[in-house]
Amino acid sequence: MLVTANGPVSAGAPVLTTTVPREYVHRAALSEVFLTGWQRTGTHAFTITAQWPRSHSFYTATAGLHDPLILCETVRQTFPLLLHTAYGTPLGHQLSWSRFSYALNPHALQVERTPAELELRVTGTEFSHRRGIPTAVSLDIAIYRDGTPIAVADTRFGCIAPTVYRRIRADRGDVTRVFAAVPDPITPLNPATAGRDNTRDVVLGHSDSPGRWPLRVDATHPVLFDHPVDHVPGMLLLEAARQAAHAMHPSAGTVLPTSMDVTFHRYVEFDSPCWIEAHPRSSCASAPGALRVDAIQDGEVAFTAEVTVVPPPSSMCPATAPAA
């Protein structure tokens, strides 16, 4: 049975599409909710529907293509949705990202005359529980657009009860106080170098060291900071990896991150400088390809991403497009 934001829909009844409740995907703004419904298809199998707008204030289209990071945010929204609806996790539990990877076909990202309608086929593969509530979950996800596969993803995350989270975070557990004390953003990298049009969207700071930039945190950003948090959001770190890939090859023009393999080792905090370091993996250092991006804070690696970037499909041979 299909479940929408308005409840179950009987067979044969018209489906009136809306978004799922924003609370279920941990978003404050309705405009940032991309999921529209979900359906259980097996014990740990689900179909989730989603929609991408033709334009977005932050996940901007490039060369007529949807931003690959809107795919990442769509996937990110699936796990709080399923935790709260399918698995009965109370609102207020904290989710902690530990692993995420995706691979997509850039030829399938064209912006059409109507919003992109998506279907995510999700399978839960690993679970741990405490008192009937999941404490860690792994998901495999296949993403389809109009019945055609466009991407695959897998992710693992923890689910932490409020009392446990406050104990783990100690003096950083007071979200209101921590968020209010976030320092003002540092001087940004040139937007063109970061692959951005708007200075406000740049998450790398100015640097004279090739392949190394300070992380730039603007807590007033309406998308990356949709609501107060007590540490740097995972999506901001993914954006930092994308911008580092652009900055490594500024003469190559726009590049698309067609895959990432990400590990979140520890929280990135607001009160200490964090450095983004990029290391080419490509055999041709002057051209887009593969690179590793690390976020380093207080001498420890907090985040690692293996990133593959390619030119937009208009400038690449179809035969070289990565398969979803």
Protein backbone atom coordinates (compact mmCIF):
# COMPACT_ATOMS: atom_id res chain seq x y z
CA MET A 1 0.00 0.00 0.00
CA LEU A 2 1.32 3.43 -0.92
CA VAL A 3 1.84 5.81 1.97
CA THR A 4 1.86 9.54 1.29
CA ALA A 5 2.06 12.48 3.64
CA ASN A 6 -1.73 12.26 3.98
CA GLY A 7 -1.72 8.58 4.95
CA PRO A 8 -2.36 5.25 3.16
CA VAL A 9 -3.91 5.27 -0.30
CA SER A 10 -6.33 2.51 -1.24
CA ALA A 11 -5.99 0.66 -4.54
CA GLY A 12 -7.70 2.55 -7.33
CA ALA A 13 -7.85 5.83 -5.43
CA PRO A 14 -6.25 8.91 -7.01
CA VAL A 15 -2.87 9.79 -5.55
CA LEU A 16 -2.56 13.46 -4.62
CA THR A 17 1.15 14.10 -4.57
CA THR A 18 2.78 16.17 -1.84
CA THR A 19 6.00 15.98 0.12
CA VAL A 20 6.49 13.77 3.15
CA PRO A 21 6.42 15.68 6.46
CA ARG A 22 9.53 17.81 6.77
CA GLU A 23 10.14 16.51 10.31
CA TYR A 24 10.66 12.99 8.90
CA VAL A 25 13.62 14.13 6.77
CA HIS A 26 15.07 16.53 9.35
CA ARG A 27 14.38 19.68 7.37
CA ALA A 28 12.80 22.96 8.51
CA ALA A 29 11.91 24.37 5.08
CA LEU A 30 9.26 22.62 3.04
CA SER A 31 11.08 23.71 -0.12
CA GLU A 32 14.04 21.51 0.88
CA VAL A 33 11.99 18.30 1.11
CA PHE A 34 12.49 16.19 -2.03
CA LEU A 35 10.71 12.97 -1.00
CA THR A 36 7.02 12.59 -1.87
CA GLY A 37 5.98 9.16 -0.56
CA TRP A 38 7.05 5.67 0.47
CA GLN A 39 5.86 2.09 0.26
CA ARG A 40 7.06 -1.07 1.98
CA THR A 41 7.71 -3.82 -0.56
CA GLY A 42 9.33 -6.39 1.74
CA THR A 43 10.49 -6.87 5.31
CA HIS A 44 13.39 -4.49 4.77
CA ALA A 45 12.60 -3.32 1.24
CA PHE A 46 10.95 -0.04 0.25
CA THR A 47 10.07 2.13 -2.70
CA ILE A 48 10.40 5.85 -2.11
CA THR A 49 9.29 8.51 -4.57
CA ALA A 50 10.99 11.87 -4.98
CA GLN A 51 10.92 14.95 -7.15
CA TRP A 52 13.70 17.33 -8.18
CA PRO A 53 12.74 20.89 -9.08
CA ARG A 54 13.88 22.28 -12.42
CA SER A 55 15.86 24.92 -10.57
CA HIS A 56 17.14 25.24 -7.03
CA SER A 57 18.83 28.04 -5.12
CA PHE A 58 21.82 25.90 -4.14
CA TYR A 59 21.74 22.64 -6.11
CA THR A 60 22.00 24.55 -9.35
CA ALA A 61 21.78 23.00 -12.80
CA THR A 62 25.00 22.92 -14.84
CA ALA A 63 25.09 22.62 -18.62
CA GLY A 64 21.41 21.70 -18.55
CA LEU A 65 21.98 18.91 -16.00
CA HIS A 66 20.67 18.42 -12.49
CA ASP A 67 23.31 18.82 -9.79
CA PRO A 68 24.69 15.42 -8.68
CA LEU A 69 24.63 16.64 -5.08
CA ILE A 70 20.84 16.91 -5.18
CA LEU A 71 21.02 13.13 -5.57
CA CYS A 72 23.13 12.96 -2.41
CA GLU A 73 20.63 15.07 -0.44
CA THR A 74 17.75 12.95 -1.76
CA VAL A 75 19.47 9.79 -0.54
CA ARG A 76 20.28 11.44 2.79
CA GLN A 77 16.58 12.13 3.32
CA THR A 78 15.67 8.46 2.88
CA PHE A 79 17.18 7.25 6.11
CA PRO A 80 15.44 9.57 8.58
CA LEU A 81 12.21 8.97 6.68
CA LEU A 82 12.46 5.18 7.02
CA LEU A 83 13.76 5.32 10.60
CA HIS A 84 10.79 7.40 11.75
CA THR A 85 8.04 5.78 9.65
CA ALA A 86 8.96 2.16 8.95
CA TYR A 87 11.02 1.44 12.06
CA GLY A 88 9.29 3.52 14.70
CA THR A 89 12.23 5.68 15.77
CA PRO A 90 10.91 8.64 17.79
CA LEU A 91 11.54 12.15 16.56
CA GLY A 92 14.44 13.69 18.45
CA HIS A 93 16.88 10.83 17.85
CA GLN A 94 20.11 11.96 16.18
CA LEU A 95 21.42 10.32 13.01
CA SER A 96 25.16 10.04 12.52
CA TRP A 97 26.48 9.41 9.00
CA SER A 98 29.38 6.96 8.87
CA ARG A 99 29.59 5.83 5.23
CA PHE A 100 28.15 6.94 1.90
CA SER A 101 28.89 6.17 -1.73
CA TYR A 102 27.17 6.80 -5.03
CA ALA A 103 27.78 6.41 -8.75
CA LEU A 104 25.59 8.00 -11.40
CA ASN A 105 25.21 8.28 -15.13
CA PRO A 106 25.58 11.99 -16.02
CA HIS A 107 23.71 11.46 -19.30
CA ALA A 108 20.55 10.78 -17.27
CA LEU A 109 20.55 14.13 -15.44
CA GLN A 110 19.05 16.35 -18.13
CA VAL A 111 16.73 19.07 -16.89
CA GLU A 112 13.46 18.60 -18.75
CA ARG A 113 10.35 20.75 -19.17
CA THR A 114 8.88 19.33 -15.96
CA PRO A 115 10.43 18.39 -12.60
CA ALA A 116 12.30 15.07 -12.49
CA GLU A 117 10.21 12.25 -11.01
CA LEU A 118 12.31 9.64 -9.25
CA GLU A 119 11.87 6.24 -7.69
CA LEU A 120 14.31 4.98 -5.08
CA ARG A 121 14.33 1.23 -4.45
CA VAL A 122 15.79 0.77 -1.00
CA THR A 123 16.95 -2.40 0.74
CA GLY A 124 18.09 -2.54 4.36
CA THR A 125 21.12 -4.83 4.55
CA GLU A 126 22.54 -4.46 8.09
CA PHE A 127 20.85 -3.63 11.36
CA SER A 128 21.64 -3.39 15.03
CA HIS A 129 19.00 -2.64 17.66
CA ARG A 130 18.65 -1.52 21.25
CA ARG A 131 15.30 -1.85 22.99
CA GLY A 132 13.58 -2.35 19.65
CA ILE A 133 14.97 0.84 18.09
CA PRO A 134 17.64 0.63 15.35
CA THR A 135 21.04 1.93 16.46
CA ALA A 136 22.81 1.38 13.12
CA VAL A 137 21.43 0.73 9.64
CA SER A 138 22.93 0.11 6.19
CA LEU A 139 20.91 0.76 3.03
CA ASP A 140 21.46 -0.13 -0.62
CA ILE A 141 19.60 2.19 -3.00
CA ALA A 142 18.91 2.07 -6.74
CA ILE A 143 17.59 5.32 -8.22
CA TYR A 144 15.34 5.34 -11.28
CA ARG A 145 14.00 8.16 -13.41
CA ASP A 146 10.97 7.33 -15.55
CA GLY A 147 11.80 3.65 -15.09
CA THR A 148 15.41 4.02 -16.23
CA PRO A 149 18.22 3.39 -13.73
CA ILE A 150 20.34 6.50 -13.25
CA ALA A 151 22.36 5.87 -10.10
CA VAL A 152 23.19 3.53 -7.25
CA ALA A 153 24.09 4.41 -3.68
CA ASP A 154 24.79 2.78 -0.36
CA THR A 155 25.01 4.29 3.07
CA ARG A 156 25.43 3.44 6.74
CA PHE A 157 24.42 5.58 9.67
CA GLY A 158 23.89 5.38 13.39
CA CYS A 159 20.78 6.35 15.33
CA ILE A 160 21.43 7.87 18.75
CA ALA A 161 18.88 8.48 21.51
CA PRO A 162 18.76 12.07 22.85
CA THR A 163 20.13 11.19 26.30
CA VAL A 164 23.01 9.20 24.81
CA TYR A 165 23.76 11.96 22.30
CA ARG A 166 23.94 14.60 25.02
CA ARG A 167 26.39 12.40 26.92
CA ILE A 168 28.54 11.83 23.82
CA ARG A 169 28.63 15.50 22.88
CA ALA A 170 29.18 16.74 26.44
CA ASP A 171 29.64 20.53 26.41
CA ARG A 172 28.89 20.61 22.66
CA GLY A 173 25.46 19.07 23.17
CA ASP A 174 23.70 22.41 23.70
CA VAL A 175 22.70 23.08 20.08
CA THR A 176 21.37 26.58 20.72
CA ARG A 177 24.55 27.72 22.45
CA VAL A 178 26.96 25.99 20.03
CA PHE A 179 25.17 27.23 16.93
CA ALA A 180 24.96 30.80 18.22
CA ALA A 181 28.73 30.78 18.76
CA VAL A 182 29.69 29.71 15.21
CA PRO A 183 32.38 32.15 14.02
CA ASP A 184 31.73 34.45 11.09
CA PRO A 185 32.70 32.92 7.72
CA ILE A 186 36.26 33.42 6.51
CA THR A 187 37.25 34.99 3.19
CA PRO A 188 35.98 32.71 0.40
CA LEU A 189 37.87 31.18 -2.47
CA ASN A 190 37.10 32.81 -5.81
CA PRO A 191 33.64 31.42 -6.74
CA ALA A 192 34.75 30.57 -10.29
CA THR A 193 37.62 28.49 -8.92
CA ALA A 194 35.21 26.62 -6.66
CA GLY A 195 32.74 26.03 -9.50
CA ARG A 196 30.16 28.39 -8.02
CA ASP A 197 28.41 31.53 -9.24
CA ASN A 198 27.49 32.91 -5.82
CA THR A 199 30.10 33.77 -3.19
CA ARG A 200 27.68 32.72 -0.48
CA ASP A 201 27.73 29.14 -1.77
CA VAL A 202 31.51 28.79 -1.52
CA VAL A 203 32.59 26.47 1.32
CA LEU A 204 36.36 26.73 0.77
CA GLY A 205 38.38 29.64 2.08
CA HIS A 206 41.05 31.57 0.26
CA SER A 207 44.43 29.82 0.31
CA ASP A 208 47.89 30.22 -1.21
CA SER A 209 48.65 26.51 -0.77
CA PRO A 210 47.83 24.39 -3.86
CA GLY A 211 45.40 21.60 -3.04
CA ARG A 212 44.76 22.84 0.50
CA TRP A 213 42.03 25.20 1.71
CA PRO A 214 40.44 26.10 5.04
CA LEU A 215 36.84 24.95 5.33
CA ARG A 216 34.50 27.93 5.12
CA VAL A 217 31.38 27.70 7.29
CA ASP A 218 28.54 30.19 6.85
CA ALA A 219 25.94 29.28 9.46
CA THR A 220 23.44 31.68 7.85
CA HIS A 221 23.33 29.68 4.61
CA PRO A 222 19.64 28.84 4.08
CA VAL A 223 20.21 25.37 2.58
CA LEU A 224 23.38 24.00 4.18
CA PHE A 225 22.11 25.27 7.53
CA ASP A 226 18.38 24.77 7.14
CA HIS A 227 18.15 24.52 10.94
CA PRO A 228 20.53 24.86 13.93
CA VAL A 229 23.02 22.01 14.43
CA ASP A 230 25.97 21.40 16.76
CA HIS A 231 28.56 20.34 14.14
CA VAL A 232 29.37 20.81 10.47
CA PRO A 233 26.71 18.99 8.38
CA GLY A 234 27.70 16.06 6.20
CA MET A 235 26.28 17.71 3.08
CA LEU A 236 28.59 20.67 3.60
CA LEU A 237 31.56 18.28 3.60
CA LEU A 238 30.33 16.66 0.37
CA GLU A 239 30.10 20.13 -1.15
CA ALA A 240 33.64 20.85 0.04
CA ALA A 241 34.83 17.71 -1.77
CA ARG A 242 33.04 18.80 -4.94
CA GLN A 243 34.50 22.32 -4.77
CA ALA A 244 37.98 20.94 -4.12
CA ALA A 245 37.66 18.89 -7.31
CA HIS A 246 36.82 22.07 -9.24
CA ALA A 247 39.63 24.00 -7.61
CA MET A 248 42.18 21.33 -8.53
CA HIS A 249 41.42 21.85 -12.24
CA PRO A 250 40.25 25.47 -12.64
CA SER A 251 41.27 25.55 -16.31
CA ALA A 252 39.16 22.49 -17.12
CA GLY A 253 35.90 24.37 -16.67
CA THR A 254 32.86 22.80 -15.06
CA VAL A 255 33.22 19.21 -13.89
CA LEU A 256 30.58 16.84 -12.53
CA PRO A 257 31.21 14.57 -9.54
CA THR A 258 29.88 11.31 -10.97
CA SER A 259 30.89 9.22 -7.97
CA MET A 260 32.00 9.58 -4.38
CA ASP A 261 33.04 7.02 -1.78
CA VAL A 262 32.87 8.76 1.58
CA THR A 263 33.78 7.90 5.16
CA PHE A 264 32.81 10.15 8.06
CA HIS A 265 35.41 9.39 10.75
CA ARG A 266 34.38 11.97 13.35
CA TYR A 267 32.35 15.15 13.73
CA VAL A 268 33.81 18.33 12.28
CA GLU A 269 33.39 20.98 14.96
CA PHE A 270 32.72 24.70 14.57
CA ASP A 271 35.29 25.96 17.07
CA SER A 272 38.51 24.73 15.45
CA PRO A 273 39.95 25.29 11.95
CA CYS A 274 39.36 22.47 9.49
CA TRP A 275 41.50 22.02 6.37
CA ILE A 276 40.37 20.45 3.11
CA GLU A 277 43.20 18.68 1.30
CA ALA A 278 42.93 17.22 -2.22
CA HIS A 279 45.29 14.68 -3.79
CA PRO A 280 44.97 13.69 -7.46
CA ARG A 281 44.52 10.01 -8.29
CA SER A 282 44.41 10.59 -12.05
CA SER A 283 47.40 9.64 -14.20
CA CYS A 284 47.06 13.08 -15.80
CA ALA A 285 47.37 15.67 -13.08
CA SER A 286 46.25 18.52 -15.37
CA ALA A 287 42.91 16.93 -16.31
CA PRO A 288 39.78 16.00 -14.35
CA GLY A 289 39.63 12.46 -13.06
CA ALA A 290 39.93 10.83 -9.66
CA LEU A 291 41.07 12.46 -6.45
CA ARG A 292 41.02 11.95 -2.72
CA VAL A 293 39.75 14.71 -0.48
CA ASP A 294 40.38 14.77 3.28
CA ALA A 295 39.00 17.06 5.97
CA ILE A 296 41.59 17.44 8.73
CA GLN A 297 40.86 19.03 12.07
CA ASP A 298 43.15 19.17 15.10
CA GLY A 299 45.60 16.88 13.32
CA GLU A 300 43.04 14.11 12.72
CA VAL A 301 41.28 13.04 9.54
CA ALA A 302 37.57 13.67 10.11
CA PHE A 303 36.25 12.97 6.61
CA THR A 304 37.57 11.20 3.52
CA ALA A 305 36.10 11.15 0.01
CA GLU A 306 37.30 9.37 -3.10
CA VAL A 307 35.84 11.53 -5.88
CA THR A 308 35.55 10.98 -9.63
CA VAL A 309 34.78 13.99 -11.82
CA VAL A 310 34.12 14.28 -15.56
CA PRO A 311 33.24 17.10 -17.97
CA PRO A 312 29.52 17.59 -18.68
CA PRO A 313 28.19 15.07 -21.24
CA SER A 314 28.01 17.73 -23.97
CA SER A 315 31.81 17.66 -24.03
CA MET A 316 32.42 13.96 -23.42
CA CYS A 317 32.01 10.87 -25.51
CA PRO A 318 28.90 8.87 -24.49
CA ALA A 319 30.97 5.70 -24.41
CA THR A 320 32.96 7.09 -21.48
CA ALA A 321 29.94 7.82 -19.31
CA PRO A 322 30.11 5.85 -16.05
CA ALA A 323 27.35 3.28 -15.64
CA ALA A 324 24.92 3.71 -12.80
